[in-house]
Amino acid sequence: MINTIVFDMDGVLFDTEKLFMECSYQAAEQMQLSEIETALKSSIGLNHRDTQELFLKLYGQDFPYEEFQKNLRLLMAERIESEGLPVKKGVYELLAYLKKENYNIALASSSTEKSVLSHLVRAEIKSYFQVIVCGDMVVHSKPNPEIYQMACDKLKVAPNKAFAIEDSPNGIKSAHSAGMKVIMVPDLIQPSHEILQLLSQKFDSLLDVKDFLQNN
């Protein structure tokens, strides 16, 4: 029986991928930058360093990445402050069930530790996680398996005895390469045929994940 779950954060626990895209387009418009959609979609699941490398590769070394990121962070902070942090359906129910059933619970997010802890505290769910691994704690970001391997190592659990819950291709490849069983709950990106082959399960929401775990 599998009794370990490792969550991605953005797009799985919080509806922040959509917010990220909206604020990114707004920041780009403010800076009169055009055609950044390709980089935005390709960067889902990457950490800060690898996202910067991607932008500079696609748009040239003169791309004002740090200024863009600064404006983006300000816009996202303003939206979250005014509208609240958008928590995905089923988060509280699934976490409460996992805790009641004594699951090992971890988080493996490409976001920075500062951002991750801020979101978890704001949503009042930080205490559920025994292990938290963030993008600035690893050398290689998703789709490299390092972040999921580290989460499993810290939990002292073999990767093939754990589920990863992911929404993005980069995250799914990362967890699968680490040897984990992957559950996808799609957010902005629907799975390609290639990605479907890497999944153990695919559900519409975390409530469906809870039902699956209860009945298996």
C-alpha atoms as a PDB file:
ATOM      1  CA  MET A   1       0.000   0.000   0.000  1.00  0.00           C
ATOM      2  CA  ILE A   2       1.233   3.480  -0.865  1.00  0.00           C
ATOM      3  CA  ASN A   3       1.009   5.885   2.070  1.00  0.00           C
ATOM      4  CA  THR A   4       3.120   8.786   0.802  1.00  0.00           C
ATOM      5  CA  ILE A   5       1.940  11.767  -1.255  1.00  0.00           C
ATOM      6  CA  VAL A   6       4.215  14.500  -2.623  1.00  0.00           C
ATOM      7  CA  PHE A   7       2.379  17.546  -3.956  1.00  0.00           C
ATOM      8  CA  ASP A   8       3.400  20.140  -6.473  1.00  0.00           C
ATOM      9  CA  MET A   9       2.129  23.570  -5.371  1.00  0.00           C
ATOM     10  CA  ASP A  10       1.276  26.010  -8.167  1.00  0.00           C
ATOM     11  CA  GLY A  11      -1.602  24.676 -10.231  1.00  0.00           C
ATOM     12  CA  VAL A  12      -2.214  21.782  -7.805  1.00  0.00           C
ATOM     13  CA  LEU A  13      -2.826  23.338  -4.377  1.00  0.00           C
ATOM     14  CA  PHE A  14      -3.357  26.896  -5.586  1.00  0.00           C
ATOM     15  CA  ASP A  15      -4.839  28.328  -8.769  1.00  0.00           C
ATOM     16  CA  THR A  16      -1.706  30.429  -9.174  1.00  0.00           C
ATOM     17  CA  GLU A  17      -0.652  29.263 -12.652  1.00  0.00           C
ATOM     18  CA  LYS A  18      -3.618  31.128 -14.146  1.00  0.00           C
ATOM     19  CA  LEU A  19      -2.850  34.150 -11.971  1.00  0.00           C
ATOM     20  CA  PHE A  20       0.811  33.945 -13.033  1.00  0.00           C
ATOM     21  CA  MET A  21      -0.135  33.983 -16.715  1.00  0.00           C
ATOM     22  CA  GLU A  22      -2.524  36.917 -16.333  1.00  0.00           C
ATOM     23  CA  CYS A  23      -0.001  38.993 -14.372  1.00  0.00           C
ATOM     24  CA  SER A  24       2.808  38.039 -16.781  1.00  0.00           C
ATOM     25  CA  TYR A  25       0.866  39.387 -19.747  1.00  0.00           C
ATOM     26  CA  GLN A  26       0.103  42.538 -17.764  1.00  0.00           C
ATOM     27  CA  ALA A  27       3.773  43.000 -16.825  1.00  0.00           C
ATOM     28  CA  ALA A  28       4.817  42.423 -20.439  1.00  0.00           C
ATOM     29  CA  GLU A  29       2.282  44.988 -21.636  1.00  0.00           C
ATOM     30  CA  GLN A  30       3.549  47.550 -19.128  1.00  0.00           C
ATOM     31  CA  MET A  31       7.092  47.011 -20.422  1.00  0.00           C
ATOM     32  CA  GLN A  32       5.956  46.907 -24.063  1.00  0.00           C
ATOM     33  CA  LEU A  33       7.244  43.357 -24.485  1.00  0.00           C
ATOM     34  CA  SER A  34       5.590  41.168 -27.091  1.00  0.00           C
ATOM     35  CA  GLU A  35       5.248  37.469 -27.913  1.00  0.00           C
ATOM     36  CA  ILE A  36       6.165  36.023 -24.516  1.00  0.00           C
ATOM     37  CA  GLU A  37       3.464  33.321 -24.551  1.00  0.00           C
ATOM     38  CA  THR A  38       5.850  30.577 -25.721  1.00  0.00           C
ATOM     39  CA  ALA A  39       8.258  31.204 -22.854  1.00  0.00           C
ATOM     40  CA  LEU A  40       5.489  31.451 -20.271  1.00  0.00           C
ATOM     41  CA  LYS A  41       3.957  28.094 -21.151  1.00  0.00           C
ATOM     42  CA  SER A  42       7.357  26.403 -21.441  1.00  0.00           C
ATOM     43  CA  SER A  43       8.427  27.760 -18.049  1.00  0.00           C
ATOM     44  CA  ILE A  44       5.618  26.146 -16.024  1.00  0.00           C
ATOM     45  CA  GLY A  45       7.327  23.922 -13.464  1.00  0.00           C
ATOM     46  CA  LEU A  46      10.800  25.483 -13.836  1.00  0.00           C
ATOM     47  CA  ASN A  47      12.652  27.248 -11.033  1.00  0.00           C
ATOM     48  CA  HIS A  48      13.784  30.895 -11.210  1.00  0.00           C
ATOM     49  CA  ARG A  49      17.238  30.200 -12.635  1.00  0.00           C
ATOM     50  CA  ASP A  50      16.068  27.872 -15.395  1.00  0.00           C
ATOM     51  CA  THR A  51      13.184  30.193 -16.272  1.00  0.00           C
ATOM     52  CA  GLN A  52      15.665  33.038 -16.720  1.00  0.00           C
ATOM     53  CA  GLU A  53      17.848  30.878 -18.969  1.00  0.00           C
ATOM     54  CA  LEU A  54      14.799  29.980 -21.061  1.00  0.00           C
ATOM     55  CA  PHE A  55      13.745  33.621 -21.527  1.00  0.00           C
ATOM     56  CA  LEU A  56      17.257  34.737 -22.473  1.00  0.00           C
ATOM     57  CA  LYS A  57      17.618  31.838 -24.896  1.00  0.00           C
ATOM     58  CA  LEU A  58      14.315  32.632 -26.606  1.00  0.00           C
ATOM     59  CA  TYR A  59      14.469  36.433 -26.574  1.00  0.00           C
ATOM     60  CA  GLY A  60      18.165  37.256 -26.394  1.00  0.00           C
ATOM     61  CA  GLN A  61      20.612  38.255 -23.671  1.00  0.00           C
ATOM     62  CA  ASP A  62      19.222  41.806 -23.640  1.00  0.00           C
ATOM     63  CA  PHE A  63      15.806  40.670 -22.406  1.00  0.00           C
ATOM     64  CA  PRO A  64      15.132  42.626 -19.147  1.00  0.00           C
ATOM     65  CA  TYR A  65      14.314  39.494 -17.165  1.00  0.00           C
ATOM     66  CA  GLU A  66      14.924  40.796 -13.634  1.00  0.00           C
ATOM     67  CA  GLU A  67      12.811  43.898 -14.278  1.00  0.00           C
ATOM     68  CA  PHE A  68      10.077  41.699 -15.746  1.00  0.00           C
ATOM     69  CA  GLN A  69      10.165  39.404 -12.700  1.00  0.00           C
ATOM     70  CA  LYS A  70      10.077  42.347 -10.287  1.00  0.00           C
ATOM     71  CA  ASN A  71       6.997  43.796 -11.994  1.00  0.00           C
ATOM     72  CA  LEU A  72       5.383  40.347 -12.136  1.00  0.00           C
ATOM     73  CA  ARG A  73       5.922  39.719  -8.410  1.00  0.00           C
ATOM     74  CA  LEU A  74       4.400  43.101  -7.536  1.00  0.00           C
ATOM     75  CA  LEU A  75       1.341  42.460  -9.691  1.00  0.00           C
ATOM     76  CA  MET A  76       0.819  38.982  -8.225  1.00  0.00           C
ATOM     77  CA  ALA A  77       1.227  40.253  -4.659  1.00  0.00           C
ATOM     78  CA  GLU A  78      -1.343  42.992  -5.314  1.00  0.00           C
ATOM     79  CA  ARG A  79      -3.829  40.498  -6.765  1.00  0.00           C
ATOM     80  CA  ILE A  80      -3.409  38.027  -3.894  1.00  0.00           C
ATOM     81  CA  GLU A  81      -3.700  40.830  -1.333  1.00  0.00           C
ATOM     82  CA  SER A  82      -6.882  42.206  -2.893  1.00  0.00           C
ATOM     83  CA  GLU A  83      -8.555  38.965  -4.026  1.00  0.00           C
ATOM     84  CA  GLY A  84      -7.063  36.374  -1.679  1.00  0.00           C
ATOM     85  CA  LEU A  85      -4.986  33.295  -2.493  1.00  0.00           C
ATOM     86  CA  PRO A  86      -7.022  31.069  -4.850  1.00  0.00           C
ATOM     87  CA  VAL A  87      -7.062  27.592  -3.263  1.00  0.00           C
ATOM     88  CA  LYS A  88      -7.920  24.709  -5.606  1.00  0.00           C
ATOM     89  CA  LYS A  89     -11.022  22.612  -5.048  1.00  0.00           C
ATOM     90  CA  GLY A  90     -10.484  19.694  -2.691  1.00  0.00           C
ATOM     91  CA  VAL A  91      -7.247  20.876  -1.067  1.00  0.00           C
ATOM     92  CA  TYR A  92      -8.552  21.033   2.500  1.00  0.00           C
ATOM     93  CA  GLU A  93     -10.579  17.849   2.195  1.00  0.00           C
ATOM     94  CA  LEU A  94      -7.693  15.824   0.748  1.00  0.00           C
ATOM     95  CA  LEU A  95      -5.118  17.082   3.243  1.00  0.00           C
ATOM     96  CA  ALA A  96      -7.455  16.381   6.176  1.00  0.00           C
ATOM     97  CA  TYR A  97      -8.061  12.850   4.881  1.00  0.00           C
ATOM     98  CA  LEU A  98      -4.338  12.173   4.394  1.00  0.00           C
ATOM     99  CA  LYS A  99      -3.545  13.394   7.900  1.00  0.00           C
ATOM    100  CA  LYS A 100      -6.345  11.294   9.417  1.00  0.00           C
ATOM    101  CA  GLU A 101      -5.047   8.201   7.614  1.00  0.00           C
ATOM    102  CA  ASN A 102      -1.427   8.887   8.682  1.00  0.00           C
ATOM    103  CA  TYR A 103       0.000   9.441   5.197  1.00  0.00           C
ATOM    104  CA  ASN A 104       3.459  10.916   4.747  1.00  0.00           C
ATOM    105  CA  ILE A 105       2.840  14.319   3.124  1.00  0.00           C
ATOM    106  CA  ALA A 106       5.464  16.413   1.334  1.00  0.00           C
ATOM    107  CA  LEU A 107       5.677  19.337  -1.071  1.00  0.00           C
ATOM    108  CA  ALA A 108       8.023  19.641  -4.064  1.00  0.00           C
ATOM    109  CA  SER A 109       7.617  23.078  -5.632  1.00  0.00           C
ATOM    110  CA  SER A 110       9.762  24.904  -8.165  1.00  0.00           C
ATOM    111  CA  SER A 111       8.849  28.212  -6.503  1.00  0.00           C
ATOM    112  CA  THR A 112      11.222  29.865  -4.034  1.00  0.00           C
ATOM    113  CA  GLU A 113      11.109  28.942  -0.356  1.00  0.00           C
ATOM    114  CA  LYS A 114       9.901  32.451   0.502  1.00  0.00           C
ATOM    115  CA  SER A 115       6.972  32.188  -1.913  1.00  0.00           C
ATOM    116  CA  VAL A 116       6.088  28.626  -0.891  1.00  0.00           C
ATOM    117  CA  LEU A 117       6.043  29.324   2.847  1.00  0.00           C
ATOM    118  CA  SER A 118       4.069  32.539   2.333  1.00  0.00           C
ATOM    119  CA  HIS A 119       1.368  30.703   0.373  1.00  0.00           C
ATOM    120  CA  LEU A 120       1.177  27.738   2.769  1.00  0.00           C
ATOM    121  CA  VAL A 121       0.888  30.001   5.813  1.00  0.00           C
ATOM    122  CA  ARG A 122      -1.718  32.223   4.138  1.00  0.00           C
ATOM    123  CA  ALA A 123      -3.828  29.156   3.269  1.00  0.00           C
ATOM    124  CA  GLU A 124      -3.251  27.721   6.779  1.00  0.00           C
ATOM    125  CA  ILE A 125      -1.988  24.365   5.494  1.00  0.00           C
ATOM    126  CA  LYS A 126       1.754  24.477   6.267  1.00  0.00           C
ATOM    127  CA  SER A 127       1.388  22.158   9.277  1.00  0.00           C
ATOM    128  CA  TYR A 128       0.205  19.283   7.060  1.00  0.00           C
ATOM    129  CA  PHE A 129       3.598  18.931   5.349  1.00  0.00           C
ATOM    130  CA  GLN A 130       6.355  16.920   6.984  1.00  0.00           C
ATOM    131  CA  VAL A 131       8.827  17.830   4.236  1.00  0.00           C
ATOM    132  CA  ILE A 132       8.963  20.915   1.986  1.00  0.00           C
ATOM    133  CA  VAL A 133      11.446  21.116  -0.898  1.00  0.00           C
ATOM    134  CA  CYS A 134      11.586  24.317  -2.959  1.00  0.00           C
ATOM    135  CA  GLY A 135      13.149  25.361  -6.241  1.00  0.00           C
ATOM    136  CA  ASP A 136      15.996  27.270  -4.586  1.00  0.00           C
ATOM    137  CA  MET A 137      17.004  24.172  -2.590  1.00  0.00           C
ATOM    138  CA  VAL A 138      18.000  22.113  -5.631  1.00  0.00           C
ATOM    139  CA  VAL A 139      20.545  22.501  -8.419  1.00  0.00           C
ATOM    140  CA  HIS A 140      18.345  21.186 -11.225  1.00  0.00           C
ATOM    141  CA  SER A 141      14.695  22.128 -11.662  1.00  0.00           C
ATOM    142  CA  LYS A 142      11.893  20.022 -13.079  1.00  0.00           C
ATOM    143  CA  PRO A 143      11.856  18.058 -15.415  1.00  0.00           C
ATOM    144  CA  ASN A 144      15.051  16.845 -13.692  1.00  0.00           C
ATOM    145  CA  PRO A 145      14.059  14.370 -10.919  1.00  0.00           C
ATOM    146  CA  GLU A 146      16.252  15.968  -8.226  1.00  0.00           C
ATOM    147  CA  ILE A 147      13.454  17.782  -6.359  1.00  0.00           C
ATOM    148  CA  TYR A 148      11.286  14.662  -6.044  1.00  0.00           C
ATOM    149  CA  GLN A 149      14.259  12.482  -5.155  1.00  0.00           C
ATOM    150  CA  MET A 150      15.137  14.919  -2.381  1.00  0.00           C
ATOM    151  CA  ALA A 151      11.558  14.913  -1.048  1.00  0.00           C
ATOM    152  CA  CYS A 152      11.506  11.105  -0.919  1.00  0.00           C
ATOM    153  CA  ASP A 153      14.972  10.993   0.655  1.00  0.00           C
ATOM    154  CA  LYS A 154      13.886  13.394   3.400  1.00  0.00           C
ATOM    155  CA  LEU A 155      10.787  11.281   4.052  1.00  0.00           C
ATOM    156  CA  LYS A 156      12.944   8.112   4.000  1.00  0.00           C
ATOM    157  CA  VAL A 157      10.526   6.596   1.477  1.00  0.00           C
ATOM    158  CA  ALA A 158      11.416   4.779  -1.751  1.00  0.00           C
ATOM    159  CA  PRO A 159      10.122   6.781  -4.759  1.00  0.00           C
ATOM    160  CA  ASN A 160       8.199   3.768  -6.107  1.00  0.00           C
ATOM    161  CA  LYS A 161       6.242   3.721  -2.837  1.00  0.00           C
ATOM    162  CA  ALA A 162       4.984   7.287  -3.298  1.00  0.00           C
ATOM    163  CA  PHE A 163       2.468   9.203  -5.387  1.00  0.00           C
ATOM    164  CA  ALA A 164       3.326  12.602  -6.875  1.00  0.00           C
ATOM    165  CA  ILE A 165       0.420  14.923  -7.676  1.00  0.00           C
ATOM    166  CA  GLU A 166       1.262  17.184 -10.600  1.00  0.00           C
ATOM    167  CA  ASP A 167      -0.359  19.427 -13.199  1.00  0.00           C
ATOM    168  CA  SER A 168       2.432  20.232 -15.663  1.00  0.00           C
ATOM    169  CA  PRO A 169       4.469  18.226 -18.184  1.00  0.00           C
ATOM    170  CA  ASN A 170       7.753  19.337 -16.584  1.00  0.00           C
ATOM    171  CA  GLY A 171       6.577  18.201 -13.159  1.00  0.00           C
ATOM    172  CA  ILE A 172       5.215  14.898 -14.436  1.00  0.00           C
ATOM    173  CA  LYS A 173       8.489  14.096 -16.199  1.00  0.00           C
ATOM    174  CA  SER A 174      10.384  14.978 -13.015  1.00  0.00           C
ATOM    175  CA  ALA A 175       8.333  12.716 -10.752  1.00  0.00           C
ATOM    176  CA  HIS A 176       8.276   9.848 -13.249  1.00  0.00           C
ATOM    177  CA  SER A 177      12.048  10.054 -13.732  1.00  0.00           C
ATOM    178  CA  ALA A 178      12.443   9.890  -9.952  1.00  0.00           C
ATOM    179  CA  GLY A 179      10.611   6.553 -10.036  1.00  0.00           C
ATOM    180  CA  MET A 180       7.335   7.757  -8.516  1.00  0.00           C
ATOM    181  CA  LYS A 181       3.765   6.928  -9.455  1.00  0.00           C
ATOM    182  CA  VAL A 182       2.258  10.092 -10.933  1.00  0.00           C
ATOM    183  CA  ILE A 183      -1.276  11.406 -10.537  1.00  0.00           C
ATOM    184  CA  MET A 184      -2.141  14.289 -12.849  1.00  0.00           C
ATOM    185  CA  VAL A 185      -4.772  16.887 -12.052  1.00  0.00           C
ATOM    186  CA  PRO A 186      -4.604  19.084 -15.194  1.00  0.00           C
ATOM    187  CA  ASP A 187      -4.615  22.858 -14.807  1.00  0.00           C
ATOM    188  CA  LEU A 188      -3.638  25.069 -17.759  1.00  0.00           C
ATOM    189  CA  ILE A 189      -2.131  22.338 -19.940  1.00  0.00           C
ATOM    190  CA  GLN A 190      -3.888  19.152 -21.027  1.00  0.00           C
ATOM    191  CA  PRO A 191      -1.642  16.079 -21.297  1.00  0.00           C
ATOM    192  CA  SER A 192      -0.181  15.017 -24.622  1.00  0.00           C
ATOM    193  CA  HIS A 193      -0.091  11.357 -25.633  1.00  0.00           C
ATOM    194  CA  GLU A 194       3.525  11.242 -24.402  1.00  0.00           C
ATOM    195  CA  ILE A 195       2.558  12.574 -20.966  1.00  0.00           C
ATOM    196  CA  LEU A 196      -0.420  10.227 -20.634  1.00  0.00           C
ATOM    197  CA  GLN A 197       1.987   7.283 -20.895  1.00  0.00           C
ATOM    198  CA  LEU A 198       3.790   8.491 -17.754  1.00  0.00           C
ATOM    199  CA  LEU A 199       0.685   8.674 -15.553  1.00  0.00           C
ATOM    200  CA  SER A 200      -0.695   6.202 -13.051  1.00  0.00           C
ATOM    201  CA  GLN A 201      -3.942   8.149 -12.772  1.00  0.00           C
ATOM    202  CA  LYS A 202      -5.561  11.350 -14.074  1.00  0.00           C
ATOM    203  CA  PHE A 203      -8.361  13.177 -12.259  1.00  0.00           C
ATOM    204  CA  ASP A 204     -10.308  16.408 -12.647  1.00  0.00           C
ATOM    205  CA  SER A 205      -9.831  17.596  -9.063  1.00  0.00           C
ATOM    206  CA  LEU A 206      -8.244  16.751  -5.727  1.00  0.00           C
ATOM    207  CA  LEU A 207     -11.655  15.582  -4.514  1.00  0.00           C
ATOM    208  CA  ASP A 208     -11.402  12.811  -7.113  1.00  0.00           C
ATOM    209  CA  VAL A 209      -7.923  11.963  -5.792  1.00  0.00           C
ATOM    210  CA  LYS A 210      -9.393  11.651  -2.288  1.00  0.00           C
ATOM    211  CA  ASP A 211     -12.120   9.311  -3.564  1.00  0.00           C
ATOM    212  CA  PHE A 212      -9.518   7.204  -5.379  1.00  0.00           C
ATOM    213  CA  LEU A 213      -7.351   6.833  -2.270  1.00  0.00           C
ATOM    214  CA  GLN A 214     -10.353   5.988  -0.098  1.00  0.00           C
ATOM    215  CA  ASN A 215     -11.462   3.211  -2.437  1.00  0.00           C
ATOM    216  CA  ASN A 216      -8.098   1.617  -3.261  1.00  0.00           C
END
